[in-house]
């Protein structure tokens, strides 16, 4: 099987056999994932800064 036939069959299968969610639902899901990713990144940043501050204070004792 050559690569061109493989690509054509792959696109045909994606168009005919795969059930896709509606665009509006996909957009809502993408927004939810983006919001939670940003919130998670901010929380990790704040925890990292707290540990950094705590370790800095600890090592300044010596």
PDB file of N, CA and C in Angstrom:
ATOM      1  N   UNK A   1       0.859  -1.183   0.000  1.00  0.00           N
ATOM      2  CA  UNK A   1       0.000   0.000   0.000  1.00  0.00           C
ATOM      3  C   UNK A   1       0.900   1.239   0.000  1.00  0.00           C
ATOM      4  N   UNK A   2       0.674   2.128  -0.922  1.00  0.00           N
ATOM      5  CA  UNK A   2       1.520   3.316  -0.952  1.00  0.00           C
ATOM      6  C   UNK A   2       0.961   4.408  -0.033  1.00  0.00           C
ATOM      7  N   UNK A   3       1.761   5.400   0.157  1.00  0.00           N
ATOM      8  CA  UNK A   3       1.420   6.451   1.117  1.00  0.00           C
ATOM      9  C   UNK A   3       0.226   7.293   0.660  1.00  0.00           C
ATOM     10  N   UNK A   4       0.085   7.508  -0.642  1.00  0.00           N
ATOM     11  CA  UNK A   4      -1.029   8.318  -1.159  1.00  0.00           C
ATOM     12  C   UNK A   4      -2.362   7.625  -0.889  1.00  0.00           C
ATOM     13  N   UNK A   5      -2.417   6.327  -1.136  1.00  0.00           N
ATOM     14  CA  UNK A   5      -3.644   5.572  -0.871  1.00  0.00           C
ATOM     15  C   UNK A   5      -3.969   5.574   0.617  1.00  0.00           C
ATOM     16  N   UNK A   6      -2.942   5.462   1.439  1.00  0.00           N
ATOM     17  CA  UNK A   6      -3.140   5.480   2.891  1.00  0.00           C
ATOM     18  C   UNK A   6      -3.749   6.810   3.333  1.00  0.00           C
ATOM     19  N   UNK A   7      -3.226   7.907   2.805  1.00  0.00           N
ATOM     20  CA  UNK A   7      -3.732   9.228   3.188  1.00  0.00           C
ATOM     21  C   UNK A   7      -5.171   9.412   2.708  1.00  0.00           C
ATOM     22  N   UNK A   8      -5.468   8.989   1.500  1.00  0.00           N
ATOM     23  CA  UNK A   8      -6.832   9.098   0.977  1.00  0.00           C
ATOM     24  C   UNK A   8      -7.806   8.289   1.816  1.00  0.00           C
ATOM     25  N   UNK A   9      -7.438   7.067   2.168  1.00  0.00           N
ATOM     26  CA  UNK A   9      -8.309   6.224   2.996  1.00  0.00           C
ATOM     27  C   UNK A   9      -8.486   6.807   4.391  1.00  0.00           C
ATOM     28  N   UNK A  10      -7.430   7.413   4.912  1.00  0.00           N
ATOM     29  CA  UNK A  10      -7.524   8.031   6.240  1.00  0.00           C
ATOM     30  C   UNK A  10      -8.518   9.185   6.235  1.00  0.00           C
ATOM     31  N   UNK A  11      -8.433  10.047   5.217  1.00  0.00           N
ATOM     32  CA  UNK A  11      -9.379  11.162   5.125  1.00  0.00           C
ATOM     33  C   UNK A  11     -10.804  10.661   4.921  1.00  0.00           C
ATOM     34  N   UNK A  12     -10.972   9.630   4.119  1.00  0.00           N
ATOM     35  CA  UNK A  12     -12.304   9.073   3.897  1.00  0.00           C
ATOM     36  C   UNK A  12     -12.881   8.533   5.202  1.00  0.00           C
ATOM     37  N   UNK A  13     -12.051   7.834   5.957  1.00  0.00           N
ATOM     38  CA  UNK A  13     -12.524   7.292   7.227  1.00  0.00           C
ATOM     39  C   UNK A  13     -12.873   8.419   8.203  1.00  0.00           C
ATOM     40  N   UNK A  14     -12.060   9.472   8.248  1.00  0.00           N
ATOM     41  CA  UNK A  14     -12.350  10.603   9.129  1.00  0.00           C
ATOM     42  C   UNK A  14     -13.661  11.292   8.762  1.00  0.00           C
ATOM     43  N   UNK A  15     -13.966  11.353   7.482  1.00  0.00           N
ATOM     44  CA  UNK A  15     -15.195  12.016   7.041  1.00  0.00           C
ATOM     45  C   UNK A  15     -16.429  11.131   7.179  1.00  0.00           C
ATOM     46  N   UNK A  16     -16.279   9.832   6.977  1.00  0.00           N
ATOM     47  CA  UNK A  16     -17.443   8.951   6.915  1.00  0.00           C
ATOM     48  C   UNK A  16     -17.716   8.168   8.193  1.00  0.00           C
ATOM     49  N   UNK A  17     -16.684   7.785   8.918  1.00  0.00           N
ATOM     50  CA  UNK A  17     -16.882   6.847  10.027  1.00  0.00           C
ATOM     51  C   UNK A  17     -16.707   7.453  11.408  1.00  0.00           C
ATOM     52  N   UNK A  18     -16.147   8.632  11.496  1.00  0.00           N
ATOM     53  CA  UNK A  18     -15.905   9.260  12.793  1.00  0.00           C
ATOM     54  C   UNK A  18     -17.067  10.177  13.125  1.00  0.00           C
ATOM     55  N   UNK A  19     -17.552  10.089  14.355  1.00  0.00           N
ATOM     56  CA  UNK A  19     -18.615  10.977  14.813  1.00  0.00           C
ATOM     57  C   UNK A  19     -17.967  12.162  15.531  1.00  0.00           C
ATOM     58  N   UNK A  20     -18.190  13.333  14.976  1.00  0.00           N
ATOM     59  CA  UNK A  20     -17.601  14.540  15.543  1.00  0.00           C
ATOM     60  C   UNK A  20     -18.638  15.265  16.397  1.00  0.00           C
ATOM     61  N   UNK A  21     -18.180  15.877  17.477  1.00  0.00           N
ATOM     62  CA  UNK A  21     -19.097  16.676  18.288  1.00  0.00           C
ATOM     63  C   UNK A  21     -19.413  17.974  17.550  1.00  0.00           C
ATOM     64  N   UNK A  22     -20.552  18.575  17.841  1.00  0.00           N
ATOM     65  CA  UNK A  22     -20.911  19.835  17.182  1.00  0.00           C
ATOM     66  C   UNK A  22     -19.878  20.928  17.483  1.00  0.00           C
ATOM     67  N   UNK A  23     -19.727  21.854  16.555  1.00  0.00           N
ATOM     68  CA  UNK A  23     -18.723  22.915  16.688  1.00  0.00           C
ATOM     69  C   UNK A  23     -18.940  23.740  17.946  1.00  0.00           C
ATOM     70  N   UNK A  24     -20.182  24.070  18.265  1.00  0.00           N
ATOM     71  CA  UNK A  24     -20.463  24.886  19.459  1.00  0.00           C
ATOM     72  C   UNK A  24     -20.002  24.166  20.724  1.00  0.00           C
ATOM     73  N   UNK A  25     -20.244  22.871  20.791  1.00  0.00           N
ATOM     74  CA  UNK A  25     -19.821  22.100  21.958  1.00  0.00           C
ATOM     75  C   UNK A  25     -18.297  22.016  22.035  1.00  0.00           C
ATOM     76  N   UNK A  26     -17.653  21.863  20.904  1.00  0.00           N
ATOM     77  CA  UNK A  26     -16.188  21.818  20.869  1.00  0.00           C
ATOM     78  C   UNK A  26     -15.594  23.146  21.327  1.00  0.00           C
ATOM     79  N   UNK A  27     -16.204  24.245  20.920  1.00  0.00           N
ATOM     80  CA  UNK A  27     -15.723  25.559  21.336  1.00  0.00           C
ATOM     81  C   UNK A  27     -15.896  25.766  22.833  1.00  0.00           C
ATOM     82  N   UNK A  28     -17.039  25.348  23.378  1.00  0.00           N
ATOM     83  CA  UNK A  28     -17.258  25.462  24.819  1.00  0.00           C
ATOM     84  C   UNK A  28     -16.250  24.623  25.588  1.00  0.00           C
ATOM     85  N   UNK A  29     -16.000  23.415  25.117  1.00  0.00           N
ATOM     86  CA  UNK A  29     -15.029  22.545  25.776  1.00  0.00           C
ATOM     87  C   UNK A  29     -13.628  23.146  25.723  1.00  0.00           C
ATOM     88  N   UNK A  30     -13.281  23.731  24.599  1.00  0.00           N
ATOM     89  CA  UNK A  30     -11.962  24.359  24.463  1.00  0.00           C
ATOM     90  C   UNK A  30     -11.811  25.530  25.418  1.00  0.00           C
ATOM     91  N   UNK A  31     -12.878  26.308  25.589  1.00  0.00           N
ATOM     92  CA  UNK A  31     -12.833  27.438  26.520  1.00  0.00           C
ATOM     93  C   UNK A  31     -12.670  26.948  27.952  1.00  0.00           C
ATOM     94  N   UNK A  32     -13.406  25.908  28.313  1.00  0.00           N
ATOM     95  CA  UNK A  32     -13.312  25.356  29.667  1.00  0.00           C
ATOM     96  C   UNK A  32     -11.899  24.843  29.936  1.00  0.00           C
ATOM     97  N   UNK A  33     -11.328  24.122  28.980  1.00  0.00           N
ATOM     98  CA  UNK A  33      -9.969  23.599  29.140  1.00  0.00           C
ATOM     99  C   UNK A  33      -8.965  24.738  29.261  1.00  0.00           C
ATOM    100  N   UNK A  34      -9.134  25.781  28.462  1.00  0.00           N
ATOM    101  CA  UNK A  34      -8.228  26.927  28.518  1.00  0.00           C
ATOM    102  C   UNK A  34      -8.302  27.634  29.858  1.00  0.00           C
ATOM    103  N   UNK A  35      -9.515  27.858  30.349  1.00  0.00           N
ATOM    104  CA  UNK A  35      -9.688  28.548  31.637  1.00  0.00           C
ATOM    105  C   UNK A  35      -9.058  27.739  32.765  1.00  0.00           C
ATOM    106  N   UNK A  36      -9.333  26.449  32.811  1.00  0.00           N
ATOM    107  CA  UNK A  36      -8.771  25.638  33.883  1.00  0.00           C
ATOM    108  C   UNK A  36      -7.253  25.492  33.754  1.00  0.00           C
ATOM    109  N   UNK A  37      -6.736  25.487  32.550  1.00  0.00           N
ATOM    110  CA  UNK A  37      -5.285  25.432  32.361  1.00  0.00           C
ATOM    111  C   UNK A  37      -4.623  26.701  32.889  1.00  0.00           C
ATOM    112  N   UNK A  38      -5.236  27.846  32.612  1.00  0.00           N
ATOM    113  CA  UNK A  38      -4.691  29.111  33.107  1.00  0.00           C
ATOM    114  C   UNK A  38      -4.772  29.153  34.632  1.00  0.00           C
ATOM    115  N   UNK A  39      -5.900  28.750  35.192  1.00  0.00           N
ATOM    116  CA  UNK A  39      -6.040  28.737  36.652  1.00  0.00           C
ATOM    117  C   UNK A  39      -5.034  27.792  37.303  1.00  0.00           C
ATOM    118  N   UNK A  40      -4.823  26.636  36.694  1.00  0.00           N
ATOM    119  CA  UNK A  40      -3.850  25.683  37.227  1.00  0.00           C
ATOM    120  C   UNK A  40      -2.444  26.263  37.160  1.00  0.00           C
ATOM    121  N   UNK A  41      -2.101  26.906  36.048  1.00  0.00           N
ATOM    122  CA  UNK A  41      -0.781  27.517  35.909  1.00  0.00           C
ATOM    123  C   UNK A  41      -0.568  28.615  36.943  1.00  0.00           C
ATOM    124  N   UNK A  42      -1.583  29.419  37.179  1.00  0.00           N
ATOM    125  CA  UNK A  42      -1.476  30.480  38.184  1.00  0.00           C
ATOM    126  C   UNK A  42      -1.306  29.886  39.574  1.00  0.00           C
ATOM    127  N   UNK A  43      -2.055  28.833  39.892  1.00  0.00           N
ATOM    128  CA  UNK A  43      -1.926  28.221  41.218  1.00  0.00           C
ATOM    129  C   UNK A  43      -0.551  27.590  41.407  1.00  0.00           C
ATOM    130  N   UNK A  44      -0.011  26.945  40.380  1.00  0.00           N
ATOM    131  CA  UNK A  44       1.339  26.378  40.478  1.00  0.00           C
ATOM    132  C   UNK A  44       2.362  27.498  40.660  1.00  0.00           C
ATOM    133  N   UNK A  45       2.190  28.602  39.946  1.00  0.00           N
ATOM    134  CA  UNK A  45       3.077  29.752  40.083  1.00  0.00           C
ATOM    135  C   UNK A  45       3.059  30.280  41.522  1.00  0.00           C
ATOM    136  N   UNK A  46       1.865  30.421  42.096  1.00  0.00           N
ATOM    137  CA  UNK A  46       1.756  30.955  43.454  1.00  0.00           C
ATOM    138  C   UNK A  46       2.371  30.010  44.479  1.00  0.00           C
ATOM    139  N   UNK A  47       2.157  28.719  44.325  1.00  0.00           N
ATOM    140  CA  UNK A  47       2.760  27.744  45.246  1.00  0.00           C
ATOM    141  C   UNK A  47       4.284  27.783  45.118  1.00  0.00           C
ATOM    142  N   UNK A  48       4.787  27.886  43.892  1.00  0.00           N
ATOM    143  CA  UNK A  48       6.221  27.966  43.672  1.00  0.00           C
ATOM    144  C   UNK A  48       6.805  29.211  44.332  1.00  0.00           C
ATOM    145  N   UNK A  49       6.118  30.350  44.177  1.00  0.00           N
ATOM    146  CA  UNK A  49       6.595  31.586  44.804  1.00  0.00           C
ATOM    147  C   UNK A  49       6.570  31.474  46.333  1.00  0.00           C
ATOM    148  N   UNK A  50       5.553  30.816  46.881  1.00  0.00           N
ATOM    149  CA  UNK A  50       5.475  30.637  48.336  1.00  0.00           C
ATOM    150  C   UNK A  50       6.633  29.777  48.835  1.00  0.00           C
ATOM    151  N   UNK A  51       6.925  28.691  48.136  1.00  0.00           N
ATOM    152  CA  UNK A  51       8.061  27.854  48.519  1.00  0.00           C
ATOM    153  C   UNK A  51       9.376  28.617  48.376  1.00  0.00           C
ATOM    154  N   UNK A  52       9.497  29.403  47.312  1.00  0.00           N
ATOM    155  CA  UNK A  52      10.699  30.192  47.094  1.00  0.00           C
ATOM    156  C   UNK A  52      10.888  31.190  48.240  1.00  0.00           C
ATOM    157  N   UNK A  53       9.812  31.862  48.611  1.00  0.00           N
ATOM    158  CA  UNK A  53       9.880  32.823  49.709  1.00  0.00           C
ATOM    159  C   UNK A  53      10.242  32.120  51.018  1.00  0.00           C
ATOM    160  N   UNK A  54       9.584  30.986  51.278  1.00  0.00           N
ATOM    161  CA  UNK A  54       9.857  30.251  52.514  1.00  0.00           C
ATOM    162  C   UNK A  54      11.292  29.755  52.592  1.00  0.00           C
ATOM    163  N   UNK A  55      11.807  29.220  51.517  1.00  0.00           N
ATOM    164  CA  UNK A  55      13.192  28.744  51.520  1.00  0.00           C
ATOM    165  C   UNK A  55      14.177  29.909  51.644  1.00  0.00           C
ATOM    166  N   UNK A  56      13.861  31.030  51.025  1.00  0.00           N
ATOM    167  CA  UNK A  56      14.729  32.202  51.133  1.00  0.00           C
ATOM    168  C   UNK A  56      14.786  32.675  52.583  1.00  0.00           C
ATOM    169  N   UNK A  57      13.637  32.722  53.244  1.00  0.00           N
ATOM    170  CA  UNK A  57      13.610  33.127  54.654  1.00  0.00           C
ATOM    171  C   UNK A  57      14.356  32.134  55.529  1.00  0.00           C
ATOM    172  N   UNK A  58      14.218  30.852  55.237  1.00  0.00           N
ATOM    173  CA  UNK A  58      14.889  29.809  56.001  1.00  0.00           C
ATOM    174  C   UNK A  58      16.405  29.935  55.875  1.00  0.00           C
ATOM    175  N   UNK A  59      16.896  30.106  54.656  1.00  0.00           N
ATOM    176  CA  UNK A  59      18.339  30.181  54.449  1.00  0.00           C
ATOM    177  C   UNK A  59      18.927  31.521  54.910  1.00  0.00           C
ATOM    178  N   UNK A  60      18.099  32.555  55.045  1.00  0.00           N
ATOM    179  CA  UNK A  60      18.592  33.804  55.584  1.00  0.00           C
ATOM    180  C   UNK A  60      18.815  33.723  57.085  1.00  0.00           C
ATOM    181  N   UNK A  61      18.271  32.701  57.740  1.00  0.00           N
ATOM    182  CA  UNK A  61      18.492  32.520  59.172  1.00  0.00           C
ATOM    183  C   UNK A  61      19.936  32.138  59.468  1.00  0.00           C
ATOM    184  N   UNK A  62      20.623  31.558  58.510  1.00  0.00           N
ATOM    185  CA  UNK A  62      21.979  31.057  58.741  1.00  0.00           C
ATOM    186  C   UNK A  62      23.013  31.971  58.217  1.00  0.00           C
TER     187      UNK A  62
END
